[in-house]
PDB file of N, CA and C in Angstrom:
ATOM      1  N   MET A   1    -182.470 -40.775 -29.680  1.00  0.00           N
ATOM      2  CA  MET A   1    -181.269 -40.091 -29.249  1.00  0.00           C
ATOM      3  C   MET A   1    -180.624 -40.889 -28.121  1.00  0.00           C
ATOM      4  N   ILE A   2    -179.328 -40.840 -28.118  1.00  0.00           N
ATOM      5  CA  ILE A   2    -178.541 -41.548 -27.116  1.00  0.00           C
ATOM      6  C   ILE A   2    -177.915 -40.518 -26.194  1.00  0.00           C
ATOM      7  N   LYS A   3    -177.854 -40.834 -24.927  1.00  0.00           N
ATOM      8  CA  LYS A   3    -177.144 -39.984 -23.981  1.00  0.00           C
ATOM      9  C   LYS A   3    -175.883 -40.722 -23.558  1.00  0.00           C
ATOM     10  N   ALA A   4    -174.771 -39.991 -23.534  1.00  0.00           N
ATOM     11  CA  ALA A   4    -173.498 -40.592 -23.129  1.00  0.00           C
ATOM     12  C   ALA A   4    -172.709 -39.575 -22.320  1.00  0.00           C
ATOM     13  N   SER A   5    -172.113 -40.051 -21.244  1.00  0.00           N
ATOM     14  CA  SER A   5    -171.259 -39.166 -20.451  1.00  0.00           C
ATOM     15  C   SER A   5    -169.923 -38.989 -21.160  1.00  0.00           C
ATOM     16  N   ILE A   6    -169.191 -38.000 -20.738  1.00  0.00           N
ATOM     17  CA  ILE A   6    -167.877 -37.754 -21.322  1.00  0.00           C
ATOM     18  C   ILE A   6    -166.963 -38.961 -21.124  1.00  0.00           C
ATOM     19  N   SER A   7    -167.026 -39.590 -19.969  1.00  0.00           N
ATOM     20  CA  SER A   7    -166.185 -40.768 -19.734  1.00  0.00           C
ATOM     21  C   SER A   7    -166.591 -41.920 -20.648  1.00  0.00           C
ATOM     22  N   GLU A   8    -167.889 -42.077 -20.919  1.00  0.00           N
ATOM     23  CA  GLU A   8    -168.333 -43.106 -21.864  1.00  0.00           C
ATOM     24  C   GLU A   8    -167.821 -42.809 -23.273  1.00  0.00           C
ATOM     25  N   LEU A   9    -167.853 -41.527 -23.641  1.00  0.00           N
ATOM     26  CA  LEU A   9    -167.344 -41.148 -24.961  1.00  0.00           C
ATOM     27  C   LEU A   9    -165.849 -41.423 -25.083  1.00  0.00           C
ATOM     28  N   LYS A  10    -165.115 -41.110 -24.030  1.00  0.00           N
ATOM     29  CA  LYS A  10    -163.666 -41.372 -24.052  1.00  0.00           C
ATOM     30  C   LYS A  10    -163.382 -42.848 -24.260  1.00  0.00           C
ATOM     31  N   ALA A  11    -164.149 -43.686 -23.585  1.00  0.00           N
ATOM     32  CA  ALA A  11    -163.922 -45.129 -23.655  1.00  0.00           C
ATOM     33  C   ALA A  11    -164.320 -45.720 -25.005  1.00  0.00           C
ATOM     34  N   GLY A  12    -165.300 -45.113 -25.671  1.00  0.00           N
ATOM     35  CA  GLY A  12    -165.777 -45.689 -26.924  1.00  0.00           C
ATOM     36  C   GLY A  12    -165.951 -44.663 -28.022  1.00  0.00           C
ATOM     37  N   LEU A  13    -165.011 -43.733 -28.126  1.00  0.00           N
ATOM     38  CA  LEU A  13    -165.147 -42.619 -29.066  1.00  0.00           C
ATOM     39  C   LEU A  13    -165.399 -43.094 -30.494  1.00  0.00           C
ATOM     40  N   SER A  14    -164.626 -44.056 -30.950  1.00  0.00           N
ATOM     41  CA  SER A  14    -164.777 -44.543 -32.321  1.00  0.00           C
ATOM     42  C   SER A  14    -166.183 -45.091 -32.554  1.00  0.00           C
ATOM     43  N   GLU A  15    -166.697 -45.838 -31.601  1.00  0.00           N
ATOM     44  CA  GLU A  15    -168.044 -46.399 -31.720  1.00  0.00           C
ATOM     45  C   GLU A  15    -169.088 -45.293 -31.810  1.00  0.00           C
ATOM     46  N   TYR A  16    -168.972 -44.278 -30.947  1.00  0.00           N
ATOM     47  CA  TYR A  16    -169.950 -43.193 -30.961  1.00  0.00           C
ATOM     48  C   TYR A  16    -169.871 -42.381 -32.245  1.00  0.00           C
ATOM     49  N   ILE A  17    -168.677 -42.150 -32.733  1.00  0.00           N
ATOM     50  CA  ILE A  17    -168.525 -41.428 -34.000  1.00  0.00           C
ATOM     51  C   ILE A  17    -169.197 -42.203 -35.125  1.00  0.00           C
ATOM     52  N   ASN A  18    -168.978 -43.511 -35.178  1.00  0.00           N
ATOM     53  CA  ASN A  18    -169.592 -44.325 -36.221  1.00  0.00           C
ATOM     54  C   ASN A  18    -171.109 -44.354 -36.096  1.00  0.00           C
ATOM     55  N   ARG A  19    -171.614 -44.399 -34.877  1.00  0.00           N
ATOM     56  CA  ARG A  19    -173.059 -44.386 -34.683  1.00  0.00           C
ATOM     57  C   ARG A  19    -173.662 -43.082 -35.182  1.00  0.00           C
ATOM     58  N   ALA A  20    -172.955 -41.978 -34.940  1.00  0.00           N
ATOM     59  CA  ALA A  20    -173.446 -40.685 -35.429  1.00  0.00           C
ATOM     60  C   ALA A  20    -173.291 -40.585 -36.947  1.00  0.00           C
ATOM     61  N   ALA A  21    -172.126 -40.953 -37.453  1.00  0.00           N
ATOM     62  CA  ALA A  21    -171.828 -40.780 -38.872  1.00  0.00           C
ATOM     63  C   ALA A  21    -172.616 -41.733 -39.764  1.00  0.00           C
ATOM     64  N   TYR A  22    -172.658 -42.990 -39.408  1.00  0.00           N
ATOM     65  CA  TYR A  22    -173.265 -43.986 -40.283  1.00  0.00           C
ATOM     66  C   TYR A  22    -174.660 -44.409 -39.841  1.00  0.00           C
ATOM     67  N   GLY A  23    -174.911 -44.392 -38.550  1.00  0.00           N
ATOM     68  CA  GLY A  23    -176.222 -44.768 -38.037  1.00  0.00           C
ATOM     69  C   GLY A  23    -177.176 -43.604 -37.940  1.00  0.00           C
ATOM     70  N   LYS A  24    -176.662 -42.403 -38.214  1.00  0.00           N
ATOM     71  CA  LYS A  24    -177.464 -41.171 -38.149  1.00  0.00           C
ATOM     72  C   LYS A  24    -178.079 -40.963 -36.770  1.00  0.00           C
ATOM     73  N   GLU A  25    -177.406 -41.487 -35.734  1.00  0.00           N
ATOM     74  CA  GLU A  25    -177.895 -41.307 -34.374  1.00  0.00           C
ATOM     75  C   GLU A  25    -177.383 -39.975 -33.832  1.00  0.00           C
ATOM     76  N   ARG A  26    -178.207 -39.331 -33.043  1.00  0.00           N
ATOM     77  CA  ARG A  26    -177.809 -38.096 -32.377  1.00  0.00           C
ATOM     78  C   ARG A  26    -177.416 -38.454 -30.955  1.00  0.00           C
ATOM     79  N   ILE A  27    -176.230 -38.045 -30.575  1.00  0.00           N
ATOM     80  CA  ILE A  27    -175.699 -38.420 -29.273  1.00  0.00           C
ATOM     81  C   ILE A  27    -175.587 -37.171 -28.407  1.00  0.00           C
ATOM     82  N   ILE A  28    -176.325 -37.161 -27.319  1.00  0.00           N
ATOM     83  CA  ILE A  28    -176.273 -36.052 -26.377  1.00  0.00           C
ATOM     84  C   ILE A  28    -175.121 -36.325 -25.419  1.00  0.00           C
ATOM     85  N   ILE A  29    -174.186 -35.402 -25.351  1.00  0.00           N
ATOM     86  CA  ILE A  29    -173.028 -35.545 -24.481  1.00  0.00           C
ATOM     87  C   ILE A  29    -173.364 -34.899 -23.147  1.00  0.00           C
ATOM     88  N   MET A  30    -173.298 -35.715 -22.111  1.00  0.00           N
ATOM     89  CA  MET A  30    -173.688 -35.292 -20.773  1.00  0.00           C
ATOM     90  C   MET A  30    -172.450 -35.019 -19.922  1.00  0.00           C
ATOM     91  N   SER A  31    -172.560 -34.023 -19.070  1.00  0.00           N
ATOM     92  CA  SER A  31    -171.507 -33.721 -18.107  1.00  0.00           C
ATOM     93  C   SER A  31    -172.172 -33.421 -16.773  1.00  0.00           C
ATOM     94  N   ARG A  32    -171.840 -34.222 -15.792  1.00  0.00           N
ATOM     95  CA  ARG A  32    -172.443 -34.081 -14.459  1.00  0.00           C
ATOM     96  C   ARG A  32    -173.966 -34.139 -14.512  1.00  0.00           C
ATOM     97  N   GLY A  33    -174.459 -35.028 -15.377  1.00  0.00           N
ATOM     98  CA  GLY A  33    -175.894 -35.237 -15.485  1.00  0.00           C
ATOM     99  C   GLY A  33    -176.647 -34.220 -16.315  1.00  0.00           C
ATOM    100  N   LYS A  34    -175.933 -33.272 -16.910  1.00  0.00           N
ATOM    101  CA  LYS A  34    -176.586 -32.234 -17.706  1.00  0.00           C
ATOM    102  C   LYS A  34    -176.101 -32.309 -19.154  1.00  0.00           C
ATOM    103  N   PRO A  35    -177.009 -32.062 -20.108  1.00  0.00           N
ATOM    104  CA  PRO A  35    -176.598 -32.068 -21.519  1.00  0.00           C
ATOM    105  C   PRO A  35    -175.691 -30.877 -21.819  1.00  0.00           C
ATOM    106  N   LYS A  36    -174.564 -31.152 -22.498  1.00  0.00           N
ATOM    107  CA  LYS A  36    -173.594 -30.094 -22.802  1.00  0.00           C
ATOM    108  C   LYS A  36    -173.408 -29.872 -24.303  1.00  0.00           C
ATOM    109  N   ALA A  37    -173.545 -30.940 -25.084  1.00  0.00           N
ATOM    110  CA  ALA A  37    -173.319 -30.832 -26.526  1.00  0.00           C
ATOM    111  C   ALA A  37    -174.000 -32.004 -27.207  1.00  0.00           C
ATOM    112  N   VAL A  38    -173.991 -31.975 -28.541  1.00  0.00           N
ATOM    113  CA  VAL A  38    -174.586 -33.061 -29.310  1.00  0.00           C
ATOM    114  C   VAL A  38    -173.619 -33.455 -30.415  1.00  0.00           C
ATOM    115  N   MET A  39    -173.505 -34.744 -30.641  1.00  0.00           N
ATOM    116  CA  MET A  39    -172.709 -35.259 -31.748  1.00  0.00           C
ATOM    117  C   MET A  39    -173.693 -35.689 -32.844  1.00  0.00           C
ATOM    118  N   ILE A  40    -173.508 -35.134 -34.046  1.00  0.00           N
ATOM    119  CA  ILE A  40    -174.381 -35.458 -35.175  1.00  0.00           C
ATOM    120  C   ILE A  40    -173.533 -35.778 -36.395  1.00  0.00           C
ATOM    121  N   ASP A  41    -174.164 -36.353 -37.411  1.00  0.00           N
ATOM    122  CA  ASP A  41    -173.443 -36.651 -38.646  1.00  0.00           C
ATOM    123  C   ASP A  41    -173.270 -35.377 -39.465  1.00  0.00           C
ATOM    124  N   ILE A  42    -172.332 -35.406 -40.379  1.00  0.00           N
ATOM    125  CA  ILE A  42    -171.978 -34.211 -41.159  1.00  0.00           C
ATOM    126  C   ILE A  42    -173.126 -33.753 -42.060  1.00  0.00           C
ATOM    127  N   GLU A  43    -173.912 -34.690 -42.589  1.00  0.00           N
ATOM    128  CA  GLU A  43    -175.031 -34.295 -43.447  1.00  0.00           C
ATOM    129  C   GLU A  43    -176.064 -33.483 -42.666  1.00  0.00           C
ATOM    130  N   THR A  44    -176.319 -33.873 -41.427  1.00  0.00           N
ATOM    131  CA  THR A  44    -177.259 -33.124 -40.589  1.00  0.00           C
ATOM    132  C   THR A  44    -176.718 -31.730 -40.305  1.00  0.00           C
ATOM    133  N   LEU A  45    -175.425 -31.637 -40.019  1.00  0.00           N
ATOM    134  CA  LEU A  45    -174.813 -30.328 -39.800  1.00  0.00           C
ATOM    135  C   LEU A  45    -174.966 -29.450 -41.032  1.00  0.00           C
ATOM    136  N   GLU A  46    -174.709 -30.006 -42.208  1.00  0.00           N
ATOM    137  CA  GLU A  46    -174.829 -29.224 -43.435  1.00  0.00           C
ATOM    138  C   GLU A  46    -176.262 -28.753 -43.661  1.00  0.00           C
ATOM    139  N   ARG A  47    -177.245 -29.612 -43.346  1.00  0.00           N
ATOM    140  CA  ARG A  47    -178.648 -29.201 -43.477  1.00  0.00           C
ATOM    141  C   ARG A  47    -178.976 -28.081 -42.499  1.00  0.00           C
ATOM    142  N   LEU A  48    -178.490 -28.187 -41.268  1.00  0.00           N
ATOM    143  CA  LEU A  48    -178.722 -27.126 -40.285  1.00  0.00           C
ATOM    144  C   LEU A  48    -178.102 -25.810 -40.731  1.00  0.00           C
ATOM    145  N   GLU A  49    -176.883 -25.868 -41.256  1.00  0.00           N
ATOM    146  CA  GLU A  49    -176.224 -24.646 -41.728  1.00  0.00           C
ATOM    147  C   GLU A  49    -176.975 -24.032 -42.899  1.00  0.00           C
ATOM    148  N   THR A  50    -177.503 -24.860 -43.788  1.00  0.00           N
ATOM    149  CA  THR A  50    -178.291 -24.365 -44.914  1.00  0.00           C
ATOM    150  C   THR A  50    -179.558 -23.691 -44.414  1.00  0.00           C
ATOM    151  N   LEU A  51    -180.227 -24.325 -43.457  1.00  0.00           N
ATOM    152  CA  LEU A  51    -181.438 -23.722 -42.886  1.00  0.00           C
ATOM    153  C   LEU A  51    -181.141 -22.390 -42.218  1.00  0.00           C
ATOM    154  N   GLU A  52    -180.031 -22.317 -41.485  1.00  0.00           N
ATOM    155  CA  GLU A  52    -179.652 -21.052 -40.841  1.00  0.00           C
ATOM    156  C   GLU A  52    -179.408 -19.972 -41.880  1.00  0.00           C
ATOM    157  N   ALA A  53    -178.711 -20.320 -42.957  1.00  0.00           N
ATOM    158  CA  ALA A  53    -178.433 -19.340 -44.012  1.00  0.00           C
ATOM    159  C   ALA A  53    -179.726 -18.879 -44.675  1.00  0.00           C
ATOM    160  N   GLU A  54    -180.648 -19.811 -44.926  1.00  0.00           N
ATOM    161  CA  GLU A  54    -181.925 -19.449 -45.540  1.00  0.00           C
ATOM    162  C   GLU A  54    -182.728 -18.542 -44.621  1.00  0.00           C
ATOM    163  N   GLN A  55    -182.744 -18.840 -43.328  1.00  0.00           N
ATOM    164  CA  GLN A  55    -183.477 -17.998 -42.384  1.00  0.00           C
ATOM    165  C   GLN A  55    -182.868 -16.603 -42.317  1.00  0.00           C
ATOM    166  N   SER A  56    -181.552 -16.529 -42.329  1.00  0.00           N
ATOM    167  CA  SER A  56    -180.890 -15.233 -42.305  1.00  0.00           C
ATOM    168  C   SER A  56    -181.246 -14.432 -43.553  1.00  0.00           C
ATOM    169  N   PHE A  57    -181.231 -15.085 -44.708  1.00  0.00           N
ATOM    170  CA  PHE A  57    -181.594 -14.422 -45.951  1.00  0.00           C
ATOM    171  C   PHE A  57    -183.032 -13.917 -45.877  1.00  0.00           C
ATOM    172  N   LEU A  58    -183.939 -14.763 -45.385  1.00  0.00           N
ATOM    173  CA  LEU A  58    -185.347 -14.363 -45.302  1.00  0.00           C
ATOM    174  C   LEU A  58    -185.543 -13.184 -44.360  1.00  0.00           C
ATOM    175  N   ARG A  59    -184.821 -13.186 -43.228  1.00  0.00           N
ATOM    176  CA  ARG A  59    -184.923 -12.042 -42.309  1.00  0.00           C
ATOM    177  C   ARG A  59    -184.443 -10.765 -43.006  1.00  0.00           C
ATOM    178  N   GLY A  60    -183.334 -10.863 -43.715  1.00  0.00           N
ATOM    179  CA  GLY A  60    -182.830  -9.701 -44.443  1.00  0.00           C
ATOM    180  C   GLY A  60    -183.804  -9.229 -45.501  1.00  0.00           C
ATOM    181  N   TRP A  61    -184.403 -10.173 -46.199  1.00  0.00           N
ATOM    182  CA  TRP A  61    -185.380  -9.834 -47.240  1.00  0.00           C
ATOM    183  C   TRP A  61    -186.588  -9.140 -46.614  1.00  0.00           C
ATOM    184  N   GLN A  62    -187.072  -9.665 -45.483  1.00  0.00           N
ATOM    185  CA  GLN A  62    -188.221  -9.055 -44.811  1.00  0.00           C
ATOM    186  C   GLN A  62    -187.883  -7.656 -44.322  1.00  0.00           C
ATOM    187  N   GLU A  63    -186.679  -7.466 -43.804  1.00  0.00           N
ATOM    188  CA  GLU A  63    -186.274  -6.130 -43.364  1.00  0.00           C
ATOM    189  C   GLU A  63    -186.214  -5.172 -44.540  1.00  0.00           C
ATOM    190  N   ALA A  64    -185.687  -5.653 -45.665  1.00  0.00           N
ATOM    191  CA  ALA A  64    -185.597  -4.802 -46.853  1.00  0.00           C
ATOM    192  C   ALA A  64    -186.989  -4.419 -47.345  1.00  0.00           C
ATOM    193  N   GLN A  65    -187.920  -5.358 -47.300  1.00  0.00           N
ATOM    194  CA  GLN A  65    -189.286  -5.076 -47.747  1.00  0.00           C
ATOM    195  C   GLN A  65    -190.013  -4.118 -46.812  1.00  0.00           C
ATOM    196  N   SER A  66    -189.643  -4.133 -45.535  1.00  0.00           N
ATOM    197  CA  SER A  66    -190.321  -3.259 -44.575  1.00  0.00           C
ATOM    198  C   SER A  66    -189.747  -1.845 -44.582  1.00  0.00           C
ATOM    199  N   GLY A  67    -188.656  -1.653 -45.293  1.00  0.00           N
ATOM    200  CA  GLY A  67    -188.056  -0.328 -45.358  1.00  0.00           C
ATOM    201  C   GLY A  67    -187.074  -0.041 -44.245  1.00  0.00           C
ATOM    202  N   ASP A  68    -186.779  -1.026 -43.412  1.00  0.00           N
ATOM    203  CA  ASP A  68    -185.849  -0.840 -42.291  1.00  0.00           C
ATOM    204  C   ASP A  68    -184.414  -1.069 -42.743  1.00  0.00           C
ATOM    205  N   THR A  69    -184.004  -0.344 -43.764  1.00  0.00           N
ATOM    206  CA  THR A  69    -182.643  -0.512 -44.284  1.00  0.00           C
ATOM    207  C   THR A  69    -181.963   0.840 -44.393  1.00  0.00           C
ATOM    208  N   LEU A  70    -180.658   0.791 -44.503  1.00  0.00           N
ATOM    209  CA  LEU A  70    -179.880   2.013 -44.720  1.00  0.00           C
ATOM    210  C   LEU A  70    -179.640   2.204 -46.209  1.00  0.00           C
ATOM    211  N   PRO A  71    -179.624   3.432 -46.666  1.00  0.00           N
ATOM    212  CA  PRO A  71    -179.195   3.673 -48.039  1.00  0.00           C
ATOM    213  C   PRO A  71    -177.749   3.199 -48.194  1.00  0.00           C
ATOM    214  N   LEU A  72    -177.377   2.773 -49.388  1.00  0.00           N
ATOM    215  CA  LEU A  72    -176.064   2.185 -49.625  1.00  0.00           C
ATOM    216  C   LEU A  72    -174.934   3.126 -49.231  1.00  0.00           C
ATOM    217  N   ASP A  73    -175.045   4.417 -49.505  1.00  0.00           N
ATOM    218  CA  ASP A  73    -173.965   5.340 -49.154  1.00  0.00           C
ATOM    219  C   ASP A  73    -173.793   5.448 -47.635  1.00  0.00           C
ATOM    220  N   GLU A  74    -174.893   5.364 -46.877  1.00  0.00           N
ATOM    221  CA  GLU A  74    -174.776   5.377 -45.415  1.00  0.00           C
ATOM    222  C   GLU A  74    -174.139   4.089 -44.909  1.00  0.00           C
ATOM    223  N   LEU A  75    -174.488   2.976 -45.552  1.00  0.00           N
ATOM    224  CA  LEU A  75    -173.906   1.695 -45.156  1.00  0.00           C
ATOM    225  C   LEU A  75    -172.388   1.735 -45.339  1.00  0.00           C
ATOM    226  N   TRP A  76    -171.926   2.228 -46.486  1.00  0.00           N
ATOM    227  CA  TRP A  76    -170.471   2.285 -46.722  1.00  0.00           C
ATOM    228  C   TRP A  76    -169.802   3.236 -45.754  1.00  0.00           C
ATOM    229  N   THR A  77    -170.480   4.325 -45.391  1.00  0.00           N
ATOM    230  CA  THR A  77    -169.932   5.248 -44.398  1.00  0.00           C
ATOM    231  C   THR A  77    -169.744   4.536 -43.065  1.00  0.00           C
ATOM    232  N   ASP A  78    -170.758   3.752 -42.669  1.00  0.00           N
ATOM    233  CA  ASP A  78    -170.672   2.984 -41.433  1.00  0.00           C
ATOM    234  C   ASP A  78    -169.556   1.937 -41.506  1.00  0.00           C
ATOM    235  N   VAL A  79    -169.419   1.293 -42.651  1.00  0.00           N
ATOM    236  CA  VAL A  79    -168.377   0.268 -42.814  1.00  0.00           C
ATOM    237  C   VAL A  79    -166.997   0.927 -42.755  1.00  0.00           C
ATOM    238  N   ASP A  80    -166.838   2.052 -43.422  1.00  0.00           N
ATOM    239  CA  ASP A  80    -165.544   2.751 -43.419  1.00  0.00           C
ATOM    240  C   ASP A  80    -165.188   3.219 -42.010  1.00  0.00           C
ATOM    241  N   ALA A  81    -166.189   3.652 -41.247  1.00  0.00           N
ATOM    242  CA  ALA A  81    -165.931   4.124 -39.889  1.00  0.00           C
ATOM    243  C   ALA A  81    -165.486   2.997 -38.966  1.00  0.00           C
ATOM    244  N   ALA A  82    -165.958   1.812 -39.253  1.00  0.00           N
ATOM    245  CA  ALA A  82    -165.592   0.652 -38.414  1.00  0.00           C
ATOM    246  C   ALA A  82    -164.177   0.252 -38.756  1.00  0.00           C
TER     247      ALA A  82
END
């Protein structure tokens, strides 16, 4: 992983984007010596989003299996009230 300050990113934005996109490098964006964000390639972002969706599905499935769910008519009542 590479650390770069905001001023370094401003000076070499194209280079850092290419390093993330094509070199698959993760760039930690620093502000006042503290990490604030990360620049990653789009494929990594898509994998992270897929993992988040799968985890959300699994949590929902586990809740459904444990019986901690609302009957469908109650759910629609809650949705209509909102």
